[in-house]
């Protein structure tokens, strides 16, 4: 009787370089499928001048459970939240340059779920970033919601030779 290992490790840490940010989702899903990453509770560190936390506005929430269909719906600004709704990612740290101010600094606790009235993915954050795209709904309006801990951290520039 053979048993499948619950968790595997890479012999060497893999690095995937992708042109479009959302193309990394394929590699994350492949690592989940091969059990190199856990199915849930992933923490994502995102270094970028854009949060990439939007949601495909008209995408049905259940699209996240059909990976090929999901991959065709994603773009560079909306690839993280579908992974949250699918239950894979529970924590995101967005490290951004000082001039990128789409979301206020600090810790944010929100829910990502399926809007009962539209069956699309929506969030409970009232940050302008989400409000401007019509992505906010009250928590009681969500089904199958997942908690997300979002840390927004500004990274200050350092001049060459400057002491830190």
Protein backbone atom coordinates (compact mmCIF):
# COMPACT_ATOMS: atom_id res chain seq x y z
CA UNK A 1 0.00 0.00 0.00
CA UNK A 2 1.55 3.29 -1.05
CA UNK A 3 0.79 6.62 0.43
CA UNK A 4 0.96 9.98 -1.27
CA UNK A 5 3.10 12.47 0.63
CA UNK A 6 1.09 15.30 2.12
CA UNK A 7 3.72 17.87 1.27
CA UNK A 8 6.63 17.86 -1.13
CA UNK A 9 9.62 20.16 -1.36
CA UNK A 10 11.53 21.45 -4.30
CA UNK A 11 15.17 20.44 -4.43
CA UNK A 12 15.94 24.00 -5.56
CA UNK A 13 13.68 27.01 -5.10
CA UNK A 14 11.99 27.57 -8.46
CA UNK A 15 11.82 31.03 -9.99
CA UNK A 16 9.33 31.77 -12.75
CA UNK A 17 9.68 34.99 -14.66
CA UNK A 18 6.48 36.06 -16.40
CA UNK A 19 5.73 39.12 -18.50
CA UNK A 20 2.12 39.55 -17.43
CA UNK A 21 1.53 39.32 -13.68
CA UNK A 22 -1.48 37.03 -13.96
CA UNK A 23 0.57 34.37 -15.76
CA UNK A 24 2.07 33.44 -12.38
CA UNK A 25 -1.29 31.95 -11.34
CA UNK A 26 -0.62 28.90 -13.57
CA UNK A 27 2.62 28.24 -11.70
CA UNK A 28 0.96 28.70 -8.31
CA UNK A 29 -1.85 26.29 -9.25
CA UNK A 30 0.66 23.76 -10.63
CA UNK A 31 2.58 23.92 -7.33
CA UNK A 32 -0.66 23.41 -5.39
CA UNK A 33 -1.61 20.44 -7.59
CA UNK A 34 1.82 18.84 -7.13
CA UNK A 35 1.56 19.44 -3.35
CA UNK A 36 4.58 21.72 -3.24
CA UNK A 37 2.27 24.43 -1.91
CA UNK A 38 -0.67 23.88 0.45
CA UNK A 39 -4.21 24.07 -0.93
CA UNK A 40 -5.15 26.90 1.42
CA UNK A 41 -3.83 29.57 3.76
CA UNK A 42 -1.13 30.82 1.40
CA UNK A 43 0.55 34.12 2.19
CA UNK A 44 1.42 36.21 -0.85
CA UNK A 45 4.02 38.99 -0.87
CA UNK A 46 3.32 41.33 -3.79
CA UNK A 47 5.97 43.92 -4.72
CA UNK A 48 4.48 46.30 -7.27
CA UNK A 49 3.32 49.85 -7.82
CA UNK A 50 -0.21 48.52 -8.41
CA UNK A 51 -2.13 46.34 -5.93
CA UNK A 52 -3.56 43.99 -8.61
CA UNK A 53 -6.48 43.35 -6.23
CA UNK A 54 -9.34 44.14 -8.58
CA UNK A 55 -11.81 41.48 -9.68
CA UNK A 56 -13.08 40.71 -13.19
CA UNK A 57 -16.31 42.69 -12.74
CA UNK A 58 -18.72 40.39 -14.58
CA UNK A 59 -16.96 37.05 -13.97
CA UNK A 60 -19.19 34.49 -12.26
CA UNK A 61 -17.70 33.54 -8.89
CA UNK A 62 -17.78 29.83 -9.70
CA UNK A 63 -15.34 30.45 -12.56
CA UNK A 64 -12.55 30.07 -9.99
CA UNK A 65 -13.30 26.33 -9.83
CA UNK A 66 -12.60 25.83 -13.57
CA UNK A 67 -8.92 26.69 -13.92
CA UNK A 68 -8.84 26.94 -17.72
CA UNK A 69 -11.83 29.26 -17.75
CA UNK A 70 -10.33 31.23 -14.85
CA UNK A 71 -6.99 31.68 -16.61
CA UNK A 72 -8.78 33.12 -19.65
CA UNK A 73 -10.59 35.70 -17.46
CA UNK A 74 -7.58 37.02 -15.55
CA UNK A 75 -5.49 40.04 -16.44
CA UNK A 76 -2.64 41.95 -14.83
CA UNK A 77 -4.84 43.96 -12.47
CA UNK A 78 -7.18 41.23 -11.20
CA UNK A 79 -5.37 37.96 -10.58
CA UNK A 80 -5.07 37.85 -6.76
CA UNK A 81 -8.68 38.07 -5.49
CA UNK A 82 -9.95 35.05 -7.46
CA UNK A 83 -7.29 32.97 -5.64
CA UNK A 84 -8.59 34.37 -2.35
CA UNK A 85 -12.18 33.43 -3.20
CA UNK A 86 -11.03 29.96 -4.28
CA UNK A 87 -9.63 29.56 -0.76
CA UNK A 88 -5.95 29.38 -1.68
CA UNK A 89 -4.70 32.77 -0.44
CA UNK A 90 -5.62 34.16 2.98
CA UNK A 91 -2.99 36.84 3.47
CA UNK A 92 -1.52 39.42 1.09
CA UNK A 93 1.28 41.86 1.83
CA UNK A 94 1.41 44.59 -0.81
CA UNK A 95 4.77 46.38 -0.72
CA UNK A 96 4.65 49.46 -2.89
CA UNK A 97 6.68 52.59 -3.70
CA UNK A 98 5.88 55.79 -1.80
CA UNK A 99 4.04 57.34 -4.76
CA UNK A 100 1.58 54.44 -5.20
CA UNK A 101 -1.33 55.25 -2.89
CA UNK A 102 -4.28 53.25 -4.22
CA UNK A 103 -5.02 51.67 -0.81
CA UNK A 104 -4.34 53.22 2.59
CA UNK A 105 -1.35 52.00 4.59
CA UNK A 106 -1.79 49.47 7.36
CA UNK A 107 -3.66 46.28 8.14
CA UNK A 108 -6.99 45.62 6.46
CA UNK A 109 -9.32 42.75 7.32
CA UNK A 110 -11.97 42.05 4.71
CA UNK A 111 -14.03 39.26 3.24
CA UNK A 112 -14.08 38.08 -0.35
CA UNK A 113 -17.16 36.17 -1.44
CA UNK A 114 -19.95 35.61 -3.93
CA UNK A 115 -22.52 38.39 -4.14
CA UNK A 116 -25.95 36.80 -3.59
CA UNK A 117 -27.63 39.06 -6.13
CA UNK A 118 -25.10 38.98 -9.00
CA UNK A 119 -23.17 35.70 -8.32
CA UNK A 120 -19.94 37.63 -8.96
CA UNK A 121 -16.98 38.01 -6.59
CA UNK A 122 -17.15 41.05 -4.33
CA UNK A 123 -15.35 42.39 -1.24
CA UNK A 124 -16.32 44.02 2.05
CA UNK A 125 -13.65 46.73 1.92
CA UNK A 126 -14.93 50.29 1.53
CA UNK A 127 -11.53 51.52 0.32
CA UNK A 128 -11.89 53.82 -2.71
CA UNK A 129 -9.84 51.32 -4.74
CA UNK A 130 -12.71 48.83 -4.51
CA UNK A 131 -15.57 51.35 -4.44
CA UNK A 132 -14.54 52.94 -7.73
CA UNK A 133 -15.01 49.62 -9.56
CA UNK A 134 -18.27 48.78 -7.77
CA UNK A 135 -16.71 45.82 -5.97
CA UNK A 136 -17.93 46.61 -2.44
CA UNK A 137 -20.91 44.88 -0.82
CA UNK A 138 -21.93 44.45 2.81
CA UNK A 139 -20.78 41.20 4.43
CA UNK A 140 -24.34 39.86 4.78
CA UNK A 141 -24.66 40.12 0.98
CA UNK A 142 -21.85 37.56 0.51
CA UNK A 143 -22.01 33.78 0.27
CA UNK A 144 -19.05 31.43 0.69
CA UNK A 145 -16.93 34.33 1.94
CA UNK A 146 -13.26 33.97 2.77
CA UNK A 147 -11.35 36.24 5.17
CA UNK A 148 -8.39 38.16 3.80
CA UNK A 149 -5.70 39.90 5.81
CA UNK A 150 -4.21 42.63 3.64
CA UNK A 151 -1.06 44.44 4.76
CA UNK A 152 -0.26 47.59 2.80
CA UNK A 153 3.36 48.66 3.30
CA UNK A 154 5.11 51.62 1.71
CA UNK A 155 8.72 51.01 0.70
CA UNK A 156 10.90 54.11 0.91
CA UNK A 157 13.66 54.65 -1.66
CA UNK A 158 17.24 54.25 -0.53
CA UNK A 159 20.04 56.16 -2.23
CA UNK A 160 23.21 54.23 -3.11
CA UNK A 161 25.61 54.38 -0.18
CA UNK A 162 22.90 55.63 2.21
CA UNK A 163 22.94 54.12 5.70
CA UNK A 164 19.68 52.36 6.61
